[in-house]
Structures are given as structure tokens and as C-alpha cells.
Amino acid sequence: GKDRIIFATKEDHETPSSAELVADDPDDPYEEQGLILPNGDINWNCPCLGGMASGPCGEQFKSAFSCFHYSTEEIKGSDCVDQFRAMQECMQKYPDLYPQEDENDEKSSKDLEAASMEASAAKEEEGSS
């Protein structure tokens, strides 16, 4: 398989290593990148997303996350309430895949939605004055 076992003797450790480190190639498409690729795009394969970009609500997640990432609103993401609501509604259909947070959790999705709605309402009031 992919793993290889190498046994080292005491003598092997007595001489300095001749291994050379190779710099990462930023153009290597197989090299793990972070959340944001060098060109500014979102890396949907980033392990940091925990697989949220795939699965039954992957498209809704991508839509909401993209909207938030590229948002230029003063309150970042305040223009993304509809996308986050669609993602939440999708996730509620699959409770085994997307368990809901505990009611005592400060970062519950209801709090997030309420904060987004407050931001949206504040923005509307600001625009009407």
C-alpha cells in the first residue's frame, strides 16, 4: 500500500542526514492548499470545510459561503440571509448528517439567523432615513 516501514539502526543515526527539503510548489494542483487559493478562489476541497461542500446540502453551503466570502457589505454577509436560510432549511431535512447544536450553545443557528436579520433590518432603516 501507501505506507512503507523502514528500520533504522543505531549506526544509521550516528551520521548526519543527507535529506534535502524541497520547497512547496504553489502551482501543484495536488498540493494541499488552504481555504483560499492563491488566485483568491475558495478551495472547496479544503479539509477545513469538514466536507460541507459535498453531500445533500453542498450546493446550498457553497452558495451561502461564497456569498459571505465575496460580500462587500459593511456588515459582512448581511446580504446573504436568504442563502443561509436555504442552507439551514436543507440541513434540517438531514438531522443525521447535520446534527443541530445544543440549545445552550451560544452559536446556535437561530442566533446566527437572528443576528443576520437584525443586520438586514438595520441596513434597511439606514437606507430609508
N, C-alpha and C. Protein backbone atom coordinates (compact mmCIF):
# COMPACT_ATOMS: atom_id res chain seq x y z
N GLY A 1 0.78 -1.19 0.00
CA GLY A 1 0.00 0.00 0.00
C GLY A 1 0.83 1.27 0.00
N LYS A 2 0.27 2.25 0.63
CA LYS A 2 0.88 3.58 0.62
C LYS A 2 1.95 3.76 1.67
N ASP A 3 1.96 2.91 2.70
CA ASP A 3 2.94 3.05 3.78
C ASP A 3 4.12 2.12 3.58
N ARG A 4 5.28 2.56 4.08
CA ARG A 4 6.48 1.76 3.97
C ARG A 4 7.19 1.81 5.31
N ILE A 5 7.57 0.66 5.84
CA ILE A 5 8.27 0.59 7.11
C ILE A 5 9.76 0.48 6.85
N ILE A 6 10.53 1.36 7.50
CA ILE A 6 11.99 1.34 7.36
C ILE A 6 12.57 1.21 8.76
N PHE A 7 13.42 0.22 8.95
CA PHE A 7 14.07 0.04 10.24
C PHE A 7 15.42 0.76 10.22
N ALA A 8 15.68 1.55 11.25
CA ALA A 8 16.94 2.29 11.34
C ALA A 8 17.76 1.71 12.49
N THR A 9 19.05 1.58 12.22
CA THR A 9 19.95 1.06 13.26
C THR A 9 20.60 2.23 14.00
N LYS A 10 21.27 1.93 15.09
CA LYS A 10 21.99 2.97 15.85
C LYS A 10 23.02 3.64 14.95
N GLU A 11 23.69 2.85 14.11
CA GLU A 11 24.70 3.38 13.20
C GLU A 11 24.08 4.37 12.19
N ASP A 12 22.83 4.07 11.77
CA ASP A 12 22.15 4.97 10.82
C ASP A 12 21.97 6.37 11.42
N HIS A 13 21.77 6.43 12.71
CA HIS A 13 21.53 7.71 13.38
C HIS A 13 22.82 8.45 13.75
N GLU A 14 23.97 7.79 13.63
CA GLU A 14 25.23 8.43 14.01
C GLU A 14 25.75 9.38 12.95
N THR A 15 25.34 9.21 11.71
CA THR A 15 25.80 10.10 10.64
C THR A 15 24.71 11.14 10.36
N PRO A 16 25.11 12.37 10.00
CA PRO A 16 24.11 13.42 9.71
C PRO A 16 23.23 13.03 8.51
N SER A 17 22.04 13.50 8.54
CA SER A 17 21.10 13.20 7.46
C SER A 17 21.53 13.92 6.18
N SER A 18 21.32 13.26 5.05
CA SER A 18 21.62 13.87 3.76
C SER A 18 20.32 14.25 3.03
N ALA A 19 19.20 14.19 3.77
CA ALA A 19 17.90 14.53 3.15
C ALA A 19 17.85 16.01 2.83
N GLU A 20 17.27 16.33 1.68
CA GLU A 20 17.11 17.72 1.28
C GLU A 20 15.62 18.05 1.26
N LEU A 21 15.28 19.19 1.84
CA LEU A 21 13.89 19.61 1.83
C LEU A 21 13.61 20.34 0.52
N VAL A 22 12.49 20.01 -0.09
CA VAL A 22 12.09 20.62 -1.35
C VAL A 22 10.99 21.63 -1.05
N ALA A 23 11.14 22.83 -1.57
CA ALA A 23 10.13 23.87 -1.34
C ALA A 23 8.81 23.45 -1.99
N ASP A 24 7.70 23.83 -1.34
CA ASP A 24 6.38 23.52 -1.91
C ASP A 24 6.20 24.26 -3.23
N ASP A 25 5.59 23.58 -4.17
CA ASP A 25 5.30 24.20 -5.46
C ASP A 25 3.88 24.76 -5.40
N PRO A 26 3.71 26.09 -5.41
CA PRO A 26 2.36 26.67 -5.30
C PRO A 26 1.46 26.34 -6.49
N ASP A 27 2.07 25.90 -7.60
CA ASP A 27 1.27 25.56 -8.77
C ASP A 27 0.88 24.08 -8.81
N ASP A 28 1.31 23.31 -7.81
CA ASP A 28 0.99 21.89 -7.78
C ASP A 28 -0.48 21.71 -7.42
N PRO A 29 -1.30 21.24 -8.37
CA PRO A 29 -2.74 21.12 -8.09
C PRO A 29 -3.04 20.07 -7.03
N TYR A 30 -2.10 19.17 -6.76
CA TYR A 30 -2.35 18.13 -5.78
C TYR A 30 -1.84 18.52 -4.39
N GLU A 31 -1.11 19.62 -4.31
CA GLU A 31 -0.60 20.09 -3.03
C GLU A 31 -1.78 20.66 -2.24
N GLU A 32 -1.88 20.29 -0.97
CA GLU A 32 -2.98 20.81 -0.17
C GLU A 32 -2.84 22.31 0.00
N GLN A 33 -3.88 23.02 -0.33
CA GLN A 33 -3.91 24.46 -0.18
C GLN A 33 -4.80 24.79 1.02
N GLY A 34 -4.81 26.03 1.42
CA GLY A 34 -5.70 26.46 2.49
C GLY A 34 -7.10 26.70 1.96
N LEU A 35 -7.89 27.41 2.74
CA LEU A 35 -9.27 27.69 2.37
C LEU A 35 -9.36 28.56 1.13
N ILE A 36 -8.45 29.52 1.02
CA ILE A 36 -8.46 30.42 -0.13
C ILE A 36 -7.24 30.12 -1.00
N LEU A 37 -7.48 29.83 -2.25
CA LEU A 37 -6.40 29.51 -3.19
C LEU A 37 -5.61 30.78 -3.52
N PRO A 38 -4.38 30.63 -4.03
CA PRO A 38 -3.57 31.82 -4.37
C PRO A 38 -4.27 32.79 -5.31
N ASN A 39 -5.18 32.31 -6.14
CA ASN A 39 -5.88 33.20 -7.08
C ASN A 39 -7.11 33.86 -6.44
N GLY A 40 -7.36 33.59 -5.15
CA GLY A 40 -8.49 34.22 -4.45
C GLY A 40 -9.76 33.39 -4.44
N ASP A 41 -9.79 32.29 -5.19
CA ASP A 41 -10.97 31.43 -5.22
C ASP A 41 -11.07 30.62 -3.93
N ILE A 42 -12.27 30.14 -3.64
CA ILE A 42 -12.49 29.28 -2.48
C ILE A 42 -12.06 27.86 -2.85
N ASN A 43 -11.29 27.23 -1.96
CA ASN A 43 -10.85 25.86 -2.16
C ASN A 43 -11.89 24.93 -1.53
N TRP A 44 -12.82 24.45 -2.36
CA TRP A 44 -13.91 23.61 -1.85
C TRP A 44 -13.40 22.27 -1.34
N ASN A 45 -12.16 21.88 -1.68
CA ASN A 45 -11.59 20.61 -1.23
C ASN A 45 -10.83 20.75 0.09
N CYS A 46 -10.80 21.95 0.66
CA CYS A 46 -10.05 22.16 1.90
C CYS A 46 -10.65 21.31 3.01
N PRO A 47 -9.80 20.52 3.71
CA PRO A 47 -10.32 19.71 4.82
C PRO A 47 -10.94 20.58 5.92
N CYS A 48 -10.57 21.86 5.95
CA CYS A 48 -11.10 22.76 6.97
C CYS A 48 -12.60 22.97 6.84
N LEU A 49 -13.18 22.65 5.68
CA LEU A 49 -14.62 22.78 5.49
C LEU A 49 -15.37 21.55 5.99
N GLY A 50 -14.64 20.55 6.42
CA GLY A 50 -15.27 19.37 7.01
C GLY A 50 -16.25 18.66 6.09
N GLY A 51 -16.04 18.73 4.79
CA GLY A 51 -16.92 18.04 3.84
C GLY A 51 -18.24 18.73 3.60
N MET A 52 -18.41 19.94 4.13
CA MET A 52 -19.69 20.64 3.99
C MET A 52 -20.01 20.98 2.53
N ALA A 53 -18.99 21.09 1.69
CA ALA A 53 -19.21 21.47 0.30
C ALA A 53 -19.76 20.31 -0.54
N SER A 54 -19.75 19.10 0.04
CA SER A 54 -20.33 17.95 -0.67
C SER A 54 -21.52 17.47 0.16
N GLY A 55 -22.20 16.47 -0.33
CA GLY A 55 -23.36 15.97 0.39
C GLY A 55 -24.64 16.61 -0.11
N PRO A 56 -25.76 16.26 0.52
CA PRO A 56 -27.06 16.71 0.01
C PRO A 56 -27.28 18.22 0.08
N CYS A 57 -26.55 18.93 0.95
CA CYS A 57 -26.71 20.38 1.07
C CYS A 57 -25.46 21.13 0.61
N GLY A 58 -24.62 20.44 -0.14
CA GLY A 58 -23.38 21.05 -0.61
C GLY A 58 -23.57 22.29 -1.44
N GLU A 59 -24.55 22.26 -2.34
CA GLU A 59 -24.77 23.43 -3.20
C GLU A 59 -25.27 24.63 -2.38
N GLN A 60 -26.14 24.36 -1.40
CA GLN A 60 -26.63 25.44 -0.55
C GLN A 60 -25.49 26.01 0.29
N PHE A 61 -24.62 25.12 0.79
CA PHE A 61 -23.48 25.57 1.57
C PHE A 61 -22.56 26.44 0.71
N LYS A 62 -22.26 25.96 -0.50
CA LYS A 62 -21.38 26.73 -1.40
C LYS A 62 -21.97 28.10 -1.71
N SER A 63 -23.27 28.14 -1.94
CA SER A 63 -23.93 29.40 -2.25
C SER A 63 -23.82 30.37 -1.07
N ALA A 64 -24.10 29.89 0.15
CA ALA A 64 -24.05 30.74 1.33
C ALA A 64 -22.62 31.17 1.65
N PHE A 65 -21.70 30.21 1.58
CA PHE A 65 -20.30 30.52 1.92
C PHE A 65 -19.69 31.47 0.89
N SER A 66 -19.99 31.25 -0.39
CA SER A 66 -19.50 32.14 -1.44
C SER A 66 -20.03 33.55 -1.24
N CYS A 67 -21.33 33.64 -0.96
CA CYS A 67 -21.94 34.94 -0.75
C CYS A 67 -21.24 35.66 0.39
N PHE A 68 -21.01 34.95 1.50
CA PHE A 68 -20.35 35.57 2.65
C PHE A 68 -18.92 35.96 2.30
N HIS A 69 -18.19 35.07 1.66
CA HIS A 69 -16.78 35.32 1.34
C HIS A 69 -16.61 36.55 0.45
N TYR A 70 -17.48 36.68 -0.55
CA TYR A 70 -17.35 37.77 -1.50
C TYR A 70 -18.18 39.01 -1.12
N SER A 71 -18.86 38.95 0.02
CA SER A 71 -19.70 40.07 0.45
C SER A 71 -18.86 41.33 0.65
N THR A 72 -19.38 42.44 0.15
CA THR A 72 -18.70 43.73 0.34
C THR A 72 -19.55 44.65 1.22
N GLU A 73 -20.59 44.11 1.83
CA GLU A 73 -21.44 44.91 2.70
C GLU A 73 -20.67 45.37 3.93
N GLU A 74 -21.12 46.47 4.53
CA GLU A 74 -20.45 46.98 5.73
C GLU A 74 -20.49 45.95 6.85
N ILE A 75 -21.64 45.29 7.01
CA ILE A 75 -21.73 44.15 7.92
C ILE A 75 -21.61 42.93 7.02
N LYS A 76 -20.40 42.38 6.96
CA LYS A 76 -20.09 41.30 6.02
C LYS A 76 -21.13 40.19 6.12
N GLY A 77 -21.67 39.81 4.98
CA GLY A 77 -22.63 38.71 4.92
C GLY A 77 -24.07 39.12 5.16
N SER A 78 -24.31 40.38 5.47
CA SER A 78 -25.69 40.80 5.74
C SER A 78 -26.58 40.68 4.50
N ASP A 79 -25.96 40.56 3.34
CA ASP A 79 -26.71 40.39 2.10
C ASP A 79 -26.92 38.91 1.75
N CYS A 80 -26.60 38.01 2.68
CA CYS A 80 -26.62 36.57 2.40
C CYS A 80 -27.67 35.81 3.21
N VAL A 81 -28.60 36.52 3.83
CA VAL A 81 -29.57 35.87 4.71
C VAL A 81 -30.35 34.78 3.97
N ASP A 82 -30.78 35.06 2.75
CA ASP A 82 -31.57 34.08 2.01
C ASP A 82 -30.78 32.79 1.75
N GLN A 83 -29.49 32.93 1.39
CA GLN A 83 -28.66 31.76 1.12
C GLN A 83 -28.44 30.94 2.39
N PHE A 84 -28.20 31.62 3.52
CA PHE A 84 -28.01 30.89 4.77
C PHE A 84 -29.30 30.22 5.23
N ARG A 85 -30.43 30.87 4.98
CA ARG A 85 -31.72 30.27 5.35
C ARG A 85 -31.96 29.00 4.52
N ALA A 86 -31.65 29.06 3.22
CA ALA A 86 -31.83 27.89 2.36
C ALA A 86 -30.93 26.75 2.82
N MET A 87 -29.68 27.09 3.20
CA MET A 87 -28.76 26.06 3.70
C MET A 87 -29.30 25.44 4.98
N GLN A 88 -29.79 26.28 5.90
CA GLN A 88 -30.31 25.77 7.17
C GLN A 88 -31.53 24.88 6.95
N GLU A 89 -32.42 25.30 6.05
CA GLU A 89 -33.61 24.50 5.77
C GLU A 89 -33.23 23.15 5.19
N CYS A 90 -32.23 23.13 4.32
CA CYS A 90 -31.77 21.88 3.75
C CYS A 90 -31.21 20.98 4.84
N MET A 91 -30.36 21.54 5.70
CA MET A 91 -29.72 20.75 6.74
C MET A 91 -30.73 20.16 7.72
N GLN A 92 -31.82 20.87 7.96
CA GLN A 92 -32.84 20.36 8.87
C GLN A 92 -33.53 19.12 8.31
N LYS A 93 -33.46 18.92 7.00
CA LYS A 93 -34.05 17.73 6.38
C LYS A 93 -33.18 16.49 6.60
N TYR A 94 -31.91 16.69 7.01
CA TYR A 94 -30.96 15.60 7.19
C TYR A 94 -30.33 15.67 8.59
N PRO A 95 -31.13 15.47 9.65
CA PRO A 95 -30.59 15.62 11.01
C PRO A 95 -29.48 14.63 11.35
N ASP A 96 -29.46 13.48 10.69
CA ASP A 96 -28.38 12.52 10.97
C ASP A 96 -27.04 13.00 10.42
N LEU A 97 -27.07 13.69 9.28
CA LEU A 97 -25.84 14.20 8.67
C LEU A 97 -25.41 15.54 9.26
N TYR A 98 -26.41 16.34 9.64
CA TYR A 98 -26.13 17.69 10.15
C TYR A 98 -26.81 17.86 11.51
N PRO A 99 -26.21 17.32 12.56
CA PRO A 99 -26.86 17.42 13.87
C PRO A 99 -26.99 18.89 14.31
N GLN A 100 -28.12 19.20 14.93
CA GLN A 100 -28.35 20.56 15.41
C GLN A 100 -27.54 20.78 16.69
N GLU A 101 -27.13 22.03 16.92
CA GLU A 101 -26.39 22.35 18.13
C GLU A 101 -27.31 22.25 19.34
N ASP A 102 -26.69 22.11 20.51
CA ASP A 102 -27.46 22.10 21.75
C ASP A 102 -28.15 23.45 21.93
N GLU A 103 -29.28 23.44 22.65
CA GLU A 103 -30.00 24.69 22.89
C GLU A 103 -29.15 25.67 23.69
N ASN A 104 -28.23 25.17 24.49
CA ASN A 104 -27.39 26.04 25.32
C ASN A 104 -26.20 26.59 24.56
N ASP A 105 -25.97 26.13 23.35
CA ASP A 105 -24.81 26.58 22.58
C ASP A 105 -25.02 28.03 22.15
N GLU A 106 -24.04 28.88 22.46
CA GLU A 106 -24.16 30.30 22.15
C GLU A 106 -24.21 30.56 20.65
N LYS A 107 -23.59 29.71 19.87
CA LYS A 107 -23.50 29.94 18.43
C LYS A 107 -24.58 29.16 17.68
N SER A 108 -25.77 29.08 18.24
CA SER A 108 -26.81 28.30 17.57
C SER A 108 -27.21 28.98 16.27
N SER A 109 -27.75 28.19 15.36
CA SER A 109 -28.13 28.73 14.07
C SER A 109 -29.24 29.76 14.21
N LYS A 110 -30.09 29.62 15.24
CA LYS A 110 -31.14 30.62 15.45
C LYS A 110 -30.51 31.97 15.80
N ASP A 111 -29.47 31.96 16.62
CA ASP A 111 -28.79 33.20 16.97
C ASP A 111 -28.17 33.82 15.72
N LEU A 112 -27.56 32.98 14.88
CA LEU A 112 -26.94 33.47 13.66
C LEU A 112 -27.99 34.09 12.75
N GLU A 113 -29.12 33.41 12.61
CA GLU A 113 -30.17 33.93 11.76
C GLU A 113 -30.74 35.23 12.33
N ALA A 114 -30.93 35.29 13.65
CA ALA A 114 -31.45 36.50 14.28
C ALA A 114 -30.49 37.66 14.07
N ALA A 115 -29.19 37.39 14.23
CA ALA A 115 -28.19 38.45 14.04
C ALA A 115 -28.20 38.93 12.59
N SER A 116 -28.32 38.00 11.65
CA SER A 116 -28.36 38.37 10.24
C SER A 116 -29.60 39.20 9.93
N MET A 117 -30.73 38.82 10.52
CA MET A 117 -31.97 39.55 10.28
C MET A 117 -31.89 40.94 10.90
N GLU A 118 -31.28 41.04 12.10
CA GLU A 118 -31.11 42.34 12.74
C GLU A 118 -30.23 43.24 11.86
N ALA A 119 -29.16 42.67 11.34
CA ALA A 119 -28.25 43.44 10.48
C ALA A 119 -28.99 43.90 9.23
N SER A 120 -29.82 43.02 8.68
CA SER A 120 -30.57 43.36 7.49
C SER A 120 -31.58 44.48 7.79
N ALA A 121 -32.25 44.38 8.93
CA ALA A 121 -33.23 45.40 9.33
C ALA A 121 -32.53 46.74 9.56
N ALA A 122 -31.36 46.70 10.22
CA ALA A 122 -30.60 47.93 10.49
C ALA A 122 -30.18 48.57 9.17
N LYS A 123 -29.82 47.75 8.20
CA LYS A 123 -29.39 48.26 6.90
C LYS A 123 -30.57 48.93 6.18
N GLU A 124 -31.77 48.31 6.29
CA GLU A 124 -32.95 48.89 5.66
C GLU A 124 -33.30 50.23 6.30
N GLU A 125 -33.22 50.30 7.66
CA GLU A 125 -33.52 51.55 8.35
C GLU A 125 -32.53 52.63 7.95
N GLU A 126 -31.26 52.23 7.82
CA GLU A 126 -30.22 53.17 7.46
C GLU A 126 -30.50 53.76 6.07
N GLY A 127 -30.95 52.90 5.16
CA GLY A 127 -31.22 53.33 3.80
C GLY A 127 -32.46 54.21 3.67
N SER A 128 -33.42 54.08 4.60
CA SER A 128 -34.66 54.82 4.48
C SER A 128 -34.60 56.19 5.13
N SER A 129 -33.57 56.49 5.90
CA SER A 129 -33.51 57.78 6.59
C SER A 129 -32.87 58.86 5.75
